[in-house]
Amino acid sequence: MKNMRAQKGYTRVKNNRGQAMLIMVMVLGASMLAVSAIVGYVTLQELRNAGDIANSTESIYAADAGIQKAFYTLFVTCSSTPQSCSSLTNLTPPSLSNGVTASVNVSGAYPSIDVKTMGHVGRVYRALEFSTIPTN
């Protein structure tokens, strides 16, 4: 019976050390691949962020333009005719010619208002906020 199994190609492997080594090589290879993928992803994100510095600068200036428009409306228009400041919540965002958008959100009633502005270019958003507190 033993001879028949040997002739048909049935042989027993008595030493399994090669299988353990193969499994360890596969596990180490998979872990190295995972670490390489994570490092590559982090590097890509850092490169994107470095490239967005110009967009970030434009976004912050757009948000600042919204703040400046609100200041202008508040201190020029409202100081001369305070009754016209009831429509301060309908403040239109500044128009910018370089593709940058800005939004202005005004809440509260004159003279105590909160202004939130946001500049947007590409994937970058930057926001600024100010509040007025009346003094007696």
N, C-alpha and C. Protein backbone atom coordinates (compact mmCIF):
# COMPACT_ATOMS: atom_id res chain seq x y z
N MET A 1 0.81 -1.18 0.00
CA MET A 1 0.00 0.00 0.00
C MET A 1 0.86 1.25 0.00
N LYS A 2 1.94 1.25 0.77
CA LYS A 2 2.83 2.39 0.81
C LYS A 2 3.46 2.63 -0.56
N ASN A 3 3.79 1.61 -1.22
CA ASN A 3 4.41 1.76 -2.53
C ASN A 3 3.44 2.34 -3.55
N MET A 4 2.17 2.03 -3.44
CA MET A 4 1.19 2.55 -4.39
C MET A 4 1.02 4.06 -4.22
N ARG A 5 1.00 4.53 -2.97
CA ARG A 5 0.87 5.97 -2.73
C ARG A 5 2.11 6.70 -3.23
N ALA A 6 3.23 6.15 -3.03
CA ALA A 6 4.46 6.77 -3.49
C ALA A 6 4.51 6.82 -5.01
N GLN A 7 3.96 5.81 -5.65
CA GLN A 7 3.98 5.80 -7.10
C GLN A 7 2.98 6.79 -7.69
N LYS A 8 1.87 7.02 -7.01
CA LYS A 8 0.86 7.93 -7.53
C LYS A 8 1.19 9.40 -7.21
N GLY A 9 2.25 9.69 -6.53
CA GLY A 9 2.63 11.06 -6.23
C GLY A 9 2.19 11.52 -4.86
N TYR A 10 1.67 10.63 -4.03
CA TYR A 10 1.26 10.99 -2.68
C TYR A 10 2.46 10.88 -1.77
N THR A 11 3.04 11.97 -1.40
CA THR A 11 4.15 11.91 -0.46
C THR A 11 3.83 12.81 0.71
N ARG A 12 4.30 12.47 1.85
CA ARG A 12 4.07 13.26 3.05
C ARG A 12 5.22 14.22 3.27
N VAL A 13 4.87 15.43 3.63
CA VAL A 13 5.89 16.41 3.96
C VAL A 13 6.05 16.38 5.47
N LYS A 14 7.23 16.04 5.90
CA LYS A 14 7.47 15.94 7.33
C LYS A 14 8.01 17.24 7.91
N ASN A 15 8.53 18.12 7.07
CA ASN A 15 9.14 19.33 7.55
C ASN A 15 8.33 20.53 7.02
N ASN A 16 7.66 21.28 7.92
CA ASN A 16 6.79 22.39 7.53
C ASN A 16 7.45 23.75 7.71
N ARG A 17 8.74 23.82 7.94
CA ARG A 17 9.40 25.10 8.19
C ARG A 17 9.35 26.02 6.96
N GLY A 18 9.35 25.52 5.82
CA GLY A 18 9.30 26.34 4.60
C GLY A 18 7.98 27.08 4.47
N GLN A 19 6.88 26.47 4.91
CA GLN A 19 5.57 27.12 4.85
C GLN A 19 5.51 28.31 5.80
N ALA A 20 6.06 28.16 6.98
CA ALA A 20 6.05 29.26 7.95
C ALA A 20 6.86 30.44 7.42
N MET A 21 7.99 30.15 6.79
CA MET A 21 8.81 31.22 6.24
C MET A 21 8.07 31.93 5.11
N LEU A 22 7.38 31.20 4.27
CA LEU A 22 6.62 31.78 3.18
C LEU A 22 5.52 32.69 3.71
N ILE A 23 4.83 32.24 4.74
CA ILE A 23 3.76 33.05 5.34
C ILE A 23 4.34 34.33 5.93
N MET A 24 5.48 34.25 6.60
CA MET A 24 6.11 35.43 7.19
C MET A 24 6.55 36.42 6.10
N VAL A 25 7.08 35.92 5.01
CA VAL A 25 7.49 36.80 3.91
C VAL A 25 6.27 37.51 3.33
N MET A 26 5.16 36.81 3.20
CA MET A 26 3.94 37.41 2.67
C MET A 26 3.39 38.46 3.63
N VAL A 27 3.40 38.19 4.93
CA VAL A 27 2.90 39.15 5.93
C VAL A 27 3.78 40.40 5.94
N LEU A 28 5.09 40.22 5.92
CA LEU A 28 6.00 41.37 5.90
C LEU A 28 5.83 42.18 4.61
N GLY A 29 5.66 41.52 3.51
CA GLY A 29 5.46 42.22 2.24
C GLY A 29 4.17 43.04 2.25
N ALA A 30 3.11 42.44 2.78
CA ALA A 30 1.83 43.15 2.85
C ALA A 30 1.93 44.35 3.78
N SER A 31 2.61 44.20 4.91
CA SER A 31 2.72 45.33 5.84
C SER A 31 3.59 46.44 5.23
N MET A 32 4.64 46.08 4.52
CA MET A 32 5.47 47.09 3.87
C MET A 32 4.68 47.81 2.78
N LEU A 33 3.84 47.10 2.07
CA LEU A 33 3.00 47.71 1.05
C LEU A 33 2.01 48.69 1.68
N ALA A 34 1.42 48.31 2.80
CA ALA A 34 0.47 49.18 3.49
C ALA A 34 1.16 50.44 4.00
N VAL A 35 2.32 50.30 4.59
CA VAL A 35 3.05 51.46 5.09
C VAL A 35 3.44 52.37 3.93
N SER A 36 3.88 51.80 2.83
CA SER A 36 4.24 52.61 1.66
C SER A 36 3.03 53.37 1.12
N ALA A 37 1.88 52.75 1.09
CA ALA A 37 0.67 53.42 0.61
C ALA A 37 0.29 54.57 1.53
N ILE A 38 0.40 54.39 2.83
CA ILE A 38 0.07 55.45 3.79
C ILE A 38 1.04 56.62 3.65
N VAL A 39 2.32 56.32 3.55
CA VAL A 39 3.32 57.38 3.38
C VAL A 39 3.09 58.13 2.07
N GLY A 40 2.76 57.43 1.02
CA GLY A 40 2.47 58.07 -0.26
C GLY A 40 1.25 58.98 -0.17
N TYR A 41 0.21 58.54 0.52
CA TYR A 41 -1.00 59.35 0.67
C TYR A 41 -0.71 60.62 1.47
N VAL A 42 0.02 60.49 2.57
CA VAL A 42 0.36 61.66 3.39
C VAL A 42 1.21 62.64 2.59
N THR A 43 2.16 62.13 1.83
CA THR A 43 3.00 62.99 1.00
C THR A 43 2.17 63.73 -0.04
N LEU A 44 1.22 63.04 -0.65
CA LEU A 44 0.35 63.67 -1.65
C LEU A 44 -0.48 64.78 -1.02
N GLN A 45 -1.01 64.56 0.17
CA GLN A 45 -1.80 65.58 0.85
C GLN A 45 -0.94 66.80 1.20
N GLU A 46 0.28 66.55 1.63
CA GLU A 46 1.18 67.67 1.95
C GLU A 46 1.53 68.47 0.70
N LEU A 47 1.72 67.81 -0.41
CA LEU A 47 2.00 68.53 -1.66
C LEU A 47 0.79 69.35 -2.11
N ARG A 48 -0.40 68.81 -1.94
CA ARG A 48 -1.61 69.58 -2.27
C ARG A 48 -1.73 70.81 -1.39
N ASN A 49 -1.48 70.63 -0.10
CA ASN A 49 -1.57 71.77 0.82
C ASN A 49 -0.54 72.83 0.49
N ALA A 50 0.65 72.42 0.11
CA ALA A 50 1.68 73.39 -0.27
C ALA A 50 1.27 74.14 -1.53
N GLY A 51 0.61 73.48 -2.44
CA GLY A 51 0.14 74.13 -3.65
C GLY A 51 -1.04 75.05 -3.43
N ASP A 52 -1.76 74.87 -2.35
CA ASP A 52 -2.94 75.68 -2.06
C ASP A 52 -2.61 76.95 -1.28
N ILE A 53 -1.34 77.26 -1.09
CA ILE A 53 -0.99 78.47 -0.33
C ILE A 53 -1.47 79.71 -1.06
N ALA A 54 -1.30 79.75 -2.37
CA ALA A 54 -1.76 80.91 -3.14
C ALA A 54 -3.28 81.04 -3.05
N ASN A 55 -3.99 79.92 -3.16
CA ASN A 55 -5.45 79.95 -3.03
C ASN A 55 -5.86 80.37 -1.62
N SER A 56 -5.11 79.94 -0.63
CA SER A 56 -5.42 80.32 0.75
C SER A 56 -5.27 81.82 0.94
N THR A 57 -4.23 82.38 0.35
CA THR A 57 -4.01 83.83 0.45
C THR A 57 -5.14 84.59 -0.23
N GLU A 58 -5.53 84.14 -1.42
CA GLU A 58 -6.63 84.80 -2.12
C GLU A 58 -7.93 84.67 -1.34
N SER A 59 -8.15 83.53 -0.72
CA SER A 59 -9.38 83.32 0.05
C SER A 59 -9.44 84.24 1.27
N ILE A 60 -8.32 84.40 1.95
CA ILE A 60 -8.33 85.26 3.14
C ILE A 60 -8.52 86.72 2.75
N TYR A 61 -7.95 87.13 1.60
CA TYR A 61 -8.17 88.50 1.13
C TYR A 61 -9.61 88.71 0.68
N ALA A 62 -10.23 87.69 0.12
CA ALA A 62 -11.64 87.80 -0.26
C ALA A 62 -12.52 87.94 0.98
N ALA A 63 -12.22 87.16 2.02
CA ALA A 63 -12.97 87.29 3.26
C ALA A 63 -12.74 88.67 3.87
N ASP A 64 -11.53 89.18 3.78
CA ASP A 64 -11.23 90.52 4.28
C ASP A 64 -11.99 91.58 3.49
N ALA A 65 -12.15 91.38 2.18
CA ALA A 65 -12.93 92.32 1.37
C ALA A 65 -14.38 92.37 1.85
N GLY A 66 -14.91 91.22 2.25
CA GLY A 66 -16.27 91.20 2.81
C GLY A 66 -16.36 91.96 4.12
N ILE A 67 -15.34 91.81 4.97
CA ILE A 67 -15.30 92.55 6.24
C ILE A 67 -15.21 94.06 5.95
N GLN A 68 -14.36 94.43 4.99
CA GLN A 68 -14.19 95.85 4.66
C GLN A 68 -15.49 96.46 4.13
N LYS A 69 -16.23 95.68 3.34
CA LYS A 69 -17.50 96.19 2.83
C LYS A 69 -18.49 96.39 3.97
N ALA A 70 -18.50 95.46 4.91
CA ALA A 70 -19.39 95.60 6.06
C ALA A 70 -18.98 96.80 6.92
N PHE A 71 -17.68 97.00 7.12
CA PHE A 71 -17.20 98.18 7.86
C PHE A 71 -17.62 99.47 7.15
N TYR A 72 -17.45 99.49 5.85
CA TYR A 72 -17.83 100.68 5.08
C TYR A 72 -19.31 100.98 5.27
N THR A 73 -20.12 99.95 5.11
CA THR A 73 -21.56 100.15 5.26
C THR A 73 -21.90 100.59 6.68
N LEU A 74 -21.26 99.97 7.64
CA LEU A 74 -21.55 100.27 9.04
C LEU A 74 -21.12 101.68 9.42
N PHE A 75 -19.92 102.07 9.05
CA PHE A 75 -19.40 103.34 9.54
C PHE A 75 -19.69 104.53 8.64
N VAL A 76 -19.91 104.33 7.36
CA VAL A 76 -20.22 105.46 6.48
C VAL A 76 -21.73 105.63 6.35
N THR A 77 -22.42 104.59 5.97
CA THR A 77 -23.85 104.68 5.75
C THR A 77 -24.61 104.80 7.07
N CYS A 78 -24.29 103.94 8.02
CA CYS A 78 -25.06 103.90 9.26
C CYS A 78 -24.77 105.08 10.18
N SER A 79 -23.57 105.65 10.11
CA SER A 79 -23.27 106.78 10.98
C SER A 79 -24.00 108.04 10.53
N SER A 80 -24.23 108.16 9.21
CA SER A 80 -24.94 109.34 8.72
C SER A 80 -26.45 109.18 8.81
N THR A 81 -26.96 108.00 8.51
CA THR A 81 -28.40 107.74 8.58
C THR A 81 -28.64 106.40 9.26
N PRO A 82 -28.69 106.37 10.60
CA PRO A 82 -28.85 105.09 11.31
C PRO A 82 -30.13 104.35 10.97
N GLN A 83 -31.20 105.07 10.56
CA GLN A 83 -32.45 104.38 10.22
C GLN A 83 -32.30 103.53 8.97
N SER A 84 -31.31 103.79 8.12
CA SER A 84 -31.12 102.99 6.91
C SER A 84 -30.35 101.70 7.19
N CYS A 85 -29.91 101.53 8.40
CA CYS A 85 -29.12 100.34 8.74
C CYS A 85 -29.98 99.14 9.09
N SER A 86 -31.28 99.27 9.00
CA SER A 86 -32.12 98.11 9.26
C SER A 86 -31.95 97.07 8.16
N SER A 87 -31.48 97.50 6.99
CA SER A 87 -31.29 96.58 5.87
C SER A 87 -29.86 96.07 5.79
N LEU A 88 -29.12 96.17 6.87
CA LEU A 88 -27.73 95.72 6.86
C LEU A 88 -27.62 94.21 6.67
N THR A 89 -28.67 93.48 7.01
CA THR A 89 -28.63 92.02 6.83
C THR A 89 -28.68 91.64 5.35
N ASN A 90 -29.06 92.56 4.49
CA ASN A 90 -29.11 92.28 3.04
C ASN A 90 -27.84 92.74 2.34
N LEU A 91 -26.75 92.76 3.04
CA LEU A 91 -25.48 93.21 2.47
C LEU A 91 -25.03 92.25 1.38
N THR A 92 -24.74 92.80 0.20
CA THR A 92 -24.28 91.95 -0.90
C THR A 92 -22.78 91.72 -0.79
N PRO A 93 -22.31 90.54 -1.16
CA PRO A 93 -20.87 90.29 -1.09
C PRO A 93 -20.12 91.14 -2.11
N PRO A 94 -18.86 91.41 -1.85
CA PRO A 94 -18.09 92.20 -2.81
C PRO A 94 -17.90 91.43 -4.11
N SER A 95 -17.86 92.16 -5.22
CA SER A 95 -17.63 91.51 -6.52
C SER A 95 -16.13 91.51 -6.79
N LEU A 96 -15.60 90.35 -7.04
CA LEU A 96 -14.17 90.18 -7.27
C LEU A 96 -13.96 89.67 -8.69
N SER A 97 -12.94 90.17 -9.36
CA SER A 97 -12.76 89.86 -10.77
C SER A 97 -11.83 88.69 -11.05
N ASN A 98 -11.21 88.12 -10.04
CA ASN A 98 -10.22 87.06 -10.29
C ASN A 98 -10.75 85.65 -10.04
N GLY A 99 -12.04 85.48 -10.03
CA GLY A 99 -12.61 84.15 -9.85
C GLY A 99 -12.79 83.74 -8.40
N VAL A 100 -12.45 84.64 -7.49
CA VAL A 100 -12.61 84.37 -6.07
C VAL A 100 -14.02 84.77 -5.67
N THR A 101 -14.64 83.98 -4.82
CA THR A 101 -15.97 84.34 -4.33
C THR A 101 -15.90 84.65 -2.85
N ALA A 102 -16.77 85.53 -2.43
CA ALA A 102 -16.86 85.89 -1.01
C ALA A 102 -18.33 85.90 -0.63
N SER A 103 -18.61 85.48 0.58
CA SER A 103 -19.97 85.54 1.09
C SER A 103 -19.95 86.34 2.39
N VAL A 104 -21.01 87.10 2.61
CA VAL A 104 -21.12 87.94 3.80
C VAL A 104 -22.44 87.59 4.48
N ASN A 105 -22.37 87.27 5.76
CA ASN A 105 -23.55 86.95 6.54
C ASN A 105 -23.59 87.90 7.74
N VAL A 106 -24.63 88.72 7.81
CA VAL A 106 -24.78 89.70 8.89
C VAL A 106 -25.98 89.29 9.73
N SER A 107 -25.79 89.25 11.03
CA SER A 107 -26.90 88.93 11.93
C SER A 107 -26.94 89.98 13.04
N GLY A 108 -28.08 90.13 13.63
CA GLY A 108 -28.26 91.13 14.68
C GLY A 108 -28.84 92.40 14.11
N ALA A 109 -29.07 93.36 14.99
CA ALA A 109 -29.63 94.65 14.60
C ALA A 109 -28.65 95.75 14.98
N TYR A 110 -28.63 96.81 14.15
CA TYR A 110 -27.74 97.92 14.42
C TYR A 110 -28.07 98.52 15.77
N PRO A 111 -27.15 98.83 16.62
CA PRO A 111 -25.71 98.91 16.46
C PRO A 111 -24.97 97.66 16.90
N SER A 112 -25.66 96.63 17.35
CA SER A 112 -25.00 95.41 17.81
C SER A 112 -25.16 94.33 16.74
N ILE A 113 -24.15 94.12 15.91
CA ILE A 113 -24.25 93.16 14.81
C ILE A 113 -23.06 92.20 14.82
N ASP A 114 -23.26 91.07 14.18
CA ASP A 114 -22.20 90.08 13.96
C ASP A 114 -22.06 89.89 12.45
N VAL A 115 -20.84 89.98 11.97
CA VAL A 115 -20.57 89.82 10.54
C VAL A 115 -19.62 88.64 10.37
N LYS A 116 -20.02 87.70 9.53
CA LYS A 116 -19.19 86.54 9.19
C LYS A 116 -18.99 86.55 7.68
N THR A 117 -17.75 86.50 7.25
CA THR A 117 -17.46 86.47 5.83
C THR A 117 -16.61 85.25 5.51
N MET A 118 -16.77 84.75 4.29
CA MET A 118 -15.99 83.59 3.88
C MET A 118 -15.52 83.80 2.45
N GLY A 119 -14.21 83.61 2.24
CA GLY A 119 -13.63 83.65 0.91
C GLY A 119 -13.41 82.23 0.41
N HIS A 120 -13.57 82.04 -0.90
CA HIS A 120 -13.48 80.69 -1.47
C HIS A 120 -12.77 80.72 -2.80
N VAL A 121 -11.73 79.89 -2.92
CA VAL A 121 -11.03 79.67 -4.18
C VAL A 121 -10.71 78.19 -4.27
N GLY A 122 -11.13 77.54 -5.34
CA GLY A 122 -10.83 76.11 -5.51
C GLY A 122 -11.36 75.28 -4.35
N ARG A 123 -10.43 74.59 -3.67
CA ARG A 123 -10.82 73.75 -2.52
C ARG A 123 -10.59 74.45 -1.19
N VAL A 124 -10.24 75.73 -1.22
CA VAL A 124 -9.84 76.44 -0.02
C VAL A 124 -10.92 77.43 0.40
N TYR A 125 -11.31 77.37 1.68
CA TYR A 125 -12.24 78.30 2.29
C TYR A 125 -11.55 78.95 3.48
N ARG A 126 -11.67 80.27 3.60
CA ARG A 126 -11.15 80.99 4.76
C ARG A 126 -12.23 81.93 5.25
N ALA A 127 -12.40 82.02 6.56
CA ALA A 127 -13.47 82.82 7.12
C ALA A 127 -12.93 83.82 8.13
N LEU A 128 -13.60 84.95 8.21
CA LEU A 128 -13.33 85.99 9.21
C LEU A 128 -14.65 86.39 9.85
N GLU A 129 -14.57 86.92 11.07
CA GLU A 129 -15.77 87.30 11.78
C GLU A 129 -15.46 88.51 12.67
N PHE A 130 -16.43 89.41 12.79
CA PHE A 130 -16.31 90.48 13.77
C PHE A 130 -17.68 90.80 14.34
N SER A 131 -17.67 91.36 15.52
CA SER A 131 -18.89 91.75 16.20
C SER A 131 -18.75 93.19 16.70
N THR A 132 -19.85 93.90 16.68
CA THR A 132 -19.85 95.25 17.25
C THR A 132 -20.59 95.23 18.57
N ILE A 133 -20.04 95.94 19.51
CA ILE A 133 -20.66 96.06 20.83
C ILE A 133 -20.86 97.55 21.10
N PRO A 134 -22.10 98.00 21.21
CA PRO A 134 -22.33 99.42 21.40
C PRO A 134 -21.85 99.88 22.79
N THR A 135 -21.34 101.08 22.85
CA THR A 135 -20.95 101.67 24.13
C THR A 135 -21.87 102.84 24.44
N ASN A 136 -22.12 103.04 25.69
CA ASN A 136 -23.04 104.13 26.10
C ASN A 136 -22.26 105.35 26.48
